[in-house]
Amino acid sequence: MRLGHRPHRDKRVTTHVALVARAFGARGVFIDGYDESLVNKVRKTVEYWGGSYFEVRLVSDPKGLVRQWRENGGKVIHLTMYGINLPEVENRIREIDNLLIVVGSEKVEGWYYTNADFNVAVSNQPHSEVAALAILLDRLYKGDELNIVFRDAKIRIIPQERGKKVIRTDEQ
């Protein structure tokens, strides 16, 4: 869940949070706030690049989502530089099937720190929430997410040592 999305300011970073979530194996992204154009942009990416299982939803009550997630047996990870460093908890959280990862933007309310099951840091230094999400997902999936093939993709990159090769799978 991207917390505190500010459409006038965070459009690019929130888009990157959603794209990293999709590319690195998440099943979806919740966006706190109202920004239909951002949702449509991410859905368009899914339509062309694949991952039709990936959901993009706007939420107006992020605290309610956290409560509901936990009531349904899920666990909540809050990514914050103030948390326990990832290597100390990655094995424990890797065993959990139903994770909600909270990624902030503006200053995050203390409520999230006390209601998360894990406050996790990818270093205790200021850095990008996009990078933190990518590293967390990479550690959880042990690098396997780098081999994801989106079978429903209309566009696919053919890896090349040099140059670029892109094919349209819907034209074959």
Protein backbone atom coordinates (compact mmCIF):
# COMPACT_ATOMS: atom_id res chain seq x y z
CA MET A 1 0.00 0.00 0.00
CA ARG A 2 1.34 3.37 -1.01
CA LEU A 3 0.47 5.58 1.94
CA GLY A 4 -0.23 9.30 1.65
CA HIS A 5 -0.11 9.62 -2.15
CA ARG A 6 -0.24 13.29 -3.14
CA PRO A 7 -1.32 13.45 -6.81
CA HIS A 8 0.21 16.86 -7.47
CA ARG A 9 3.59 15.81 -6.07
CA ASP A 10 4.01 12.02 -5.94
CA LYS A 11 2.67 10.82 -9.29
CA ARG A 12 6.01 9.59 -10.64
CA VAL A 13 7.25 7.97 -7.43
CA THR A 14 3.92 6.28 -6.73
CA THR A 15 3.87 4.99 -10.31
CA HIS A 16 7.34 3.55 -9.72
CA VAL A 17 6.21 1.93 -6.46
CA ALA A 18 3.39 0.22 -8.40
CA LEU A 19 5.65 -0.84 -11.29
CA VAL A 20 8.28 -2.27 -8.96
CA ALA A 21 5.58 -4.12 -7.00
CA ARG A 22 4.29 -5.69 -10.24
CA ALA A 23 7.68 -6.50 -11.74
CA PHE A 24 9.01 -7.96 -8.48
CA GLY A 25 6.12 -10.34 -7.85
CA ALA A 26 3.49 -8.54 -5.76
CA ARG A 27 -0.16 -9.32 -6.46
CA GLY A 28 -1.31 -5.74 -6.40
CA VAL A 29 -1.02 -2.26 -4.99
CA PHE A 30 -3.36 -0.16 -2.90
CA ILE A 31 -2.98 3.60 -3.29
CA ASP A 32 -4.10 5.85 -0.46
CA GLY A 33 -5.85 8.77 -2.08
CA TYR A 34 -7.69 9.59 -5.26
CA ASP A 35 -5.78 9.54 -8.56
CA GLU A 36 -7.64 7.76 -11.35
CA SER A 37 -5.08 8.83 -13.97
CA LEU A 38 -2.32 7.04 -12.06
CA VAL A 39 -4.47 3.93 -11.69
CA ASN A 40 -5.22 3.97 -15.42
CA LYS A 41 -1.52 4.37 -16.27
CA VAL A 42 -0.57 1.34 -14.17
CA ARG A 43 -3.47 -0.71 -15.57
CA LYS A 44 -2.34 0.19 -19.10
CA THR A 45 1.14 -1.08 -18.27
CA VAL A 46 -0.35 -4.34 -17.00
CA GLU A 47 -2.47 -4.62 -20.15
CA TYR A 48 0.57 -4.36 -22.46
CA TRP A 49 3.36 -5.87 -20.36
CA GLY A 50 1.33 -8.60 -18.65
CA GLY A 51 0.42 -9.58 -15.14
CA SER A 52 -3.37 -9.52 -15.39
CA TYR A 53 -3.54 -10.86 -11.81
CA PHE A 54 -2.00 -7.56 -10.59
CA GLU A 55 -4.66 -5.36 -9.01
CA VAL A 56 -4.51 -1.60 -8.60
CA ARG A 57 -6.98 -0.13 -6.13
CA LEU A 58 -7.52 3.23 -4.53
CA VAL A 59 -8.27 3.22 -0.80
CA SER A 60 -9.81 6.01 1.21
CA ASP A 61 -9.29 4.41 4.62
CA PRO A 62 -5.74 3.03 4.83
CA LYS A 63 -6.00 2.38 8.57
CA GLY A 64 -9.17 0.38 7.95
CA LEU A 65 -7.31 -1.65 5.32
CA VAL A 66 -4.52 -2.42 7.80
CA ARG A 67 -7.06 -3.46 10.46
CA GLN A 68 -8.99 -5.62 7.99
CA TRP A 69 -5.79 -7.21 6.67
CA ARG A 70 -4.76 -8.23 10.17
CA GLU A 71 -8.28 -9.40 11.12
CA ASN A 72 -8.18 -11.70 8.07
CA GLY A 73 -4.95 -13.30 9.27
CA GLY A 74 -2.52 -11.27 7.20
CA LYS A 75 0.60 -9.56 8.46
CA VAL A 76 1.62 -5.95 7.87
CA ILE A 77 5.15 -4.82 7.11
CA HIS A 78 5.86 -1.13 7.39
CA LEU A 79 8.98 -0.12 5.45
CA THR A 80 10.77 2.56 7.46
CA MET A 81 14.38 3.51 8.04
CA TYR A 82 13.59 3.41 11.78
CA GLY A 83 12.74 -0.30 11.78
CA ILE A 84 14.66 -3.50 12.35
CA ASN A 85 17.15 -4.10 9.56
CA LEU A 86 15.88 -6.48 6.90
CA PRO A 87 18.54 -9.20 7.35
CA GLU A 88 17.37 -9.68 10.95
CA VAL A 89 13.75 -10.44 9.99
CA GLU A 90 13.76 -11.59 6.36
CA ASN A 91 13.60 -15.33 7.16
CA ARG A 92 10.61 -14.81 9.48
CA ILE A 93 8.65 -12.69 7.03
CA ARG A 94 9.51 -14.93 4.09
CA GLU A 95 7.39 -17.65 5.72
CA ILE A 96 4.25 -15.46 5.75
CA ASP A 97 1.82 -15.91 2.85
CA ASN A 98 -0.42 -12.89 3.22
CA LEU A 99 1.66 -9.71 3.47
CA LEU A 100 0.63 -6.10 3.19
CA ILE A 101 3.68 -3.91 2.69
CA VAL A 102 3.15 -0.27 3.67
CA VAL A 103 5.30 2.27 1.84
CA GLY A 104 5.01 5.87 2.99
CA SER A 105 5.46 9.17 1.19
CA GLU A 106 4.95 12.09 3.52
CA LYS A 107 5.58 11.78 7.25
CA VAL A 108 3.97 8.53 8.40
CA GLU A 109 1.72 8.66 11.46
CA GLY A 110 2.87 6.80 14.56
CA TRP A 111 -0.26 4.65 14.29
CA TYR A 112 1.38 2.64 11.48
CA TYR A 113 4.48 1.98 13.57
CA THR A 114 2.40 0.50 16.40
CA ASN A 115 -0.07 -1.41 14.20
CA ALA A 116 2.42 -3.02 11.84
CA ASP A 117 3.53 -6.54 12.64
CA PHE A 118 7.02 -5.62 11.45
CA ASN A 119 8.71 -2.24 11.05
CA VAL A 120 11.46 -3.10 8.59
CA ALA A 121 14.41 -1.00 7.47
CA VAL A 122 16.49 -1.45 4.35
CA SER A 123 19.36 0.35 6.08
CA ASN A 124 18.84 3.00 8.71
CA GLN A 125 19.64 5.81 6.28
CA PRO A 126 17.37 8.07 4.22
CA HIS A 127 16.79 6.67 0.73
CA SER A 128 14.09 5.89 -1.82
CA GLU A 129 10.95 4.00 -0.88
CA VAL A 130 11.05 2.52 -4.39
CA ALA A 131 14.51 1.06 -3.72
CA ALA A 132 13.43 -0.24 -0.31
CA LEU A 133 10.43 -2.02 -1.82
CA ALA A 134 12.55 -3.58 -4.57
CA ILE A 135 15.14 -4.84 -2.10
CA LEU A 136 12.51 -6.20 0.28
CA LEU A 137 10.71 -8.10 -2.50
CA ASP A 138 14.01 -9.38 -3.89
CA ARG A 139 14.99 -10.74 -0.49
CA LEU A 140 11.55 -12.30 0.09
CA TYR A 141 11.57 -14.08 -3.29
CA LYS A 142 15.31 -14.88 -3.13
CA GLY A 143 15.84 -13.44 -6.60
CA ASP A 144 13.27 -15.73 -8.27
CA GLU A 145 11.13 -12.69 -9.15
CA LEU A 146 13.81 -11.68 -11.67
CA ASN A 147 12.71 -14.65 -13.80
CA ILE A 148 9.00 -13.82 -13.91
CA VAL A 149 7.51 -14.26 -17.36
CA PHE A 150 4.18 -12.56 -17.87
CA ARG A 151 2.48 -14.99 -20.24
CA ASP A 152 -0.34 -12.56 -21.00
CA ALA A 153 2.04 -9.80 -22.17
CA LYS A 154 1.33 -8.09 -25.49
CA ILE A 155 4.84 -6.65 -25.49
CA ARG A 156 7.93 -8.62 -24.56
CA ILE A 157 11.60 -7.74 -24.46
CA ILE A 158 14.00 -10.28 -25.93
CA PRO A 159 17.21 -9.92 -23.92
CA GLN A 160 20.18 -8.91 -26.05
CA GLU A 161 23.84 -8.49 -25.28
CA ARG A 162 23.72 -5.33 -27.41
CA GLY A 163 20.86 -3.34 -28.83
CA LYS A 164 17.16 -3.62 -28.16
CA LYS A 165 14.67 -6.20 -29.33
CA VAL A 166 11.00 -5.86 -28.48
CA ILE A 167 8.28 -8.06 -29.91
CA ARG A 168 4.54 -7.68 -29.91
CA THR A 169 3.05 -11.03 -28.92
CA ASP A 170 -0.48 -10.00 -29.96
CA GLU A 171 0.60 -9.71 -33.61
CA GLN A 172 1.98 -13.22 -33.95
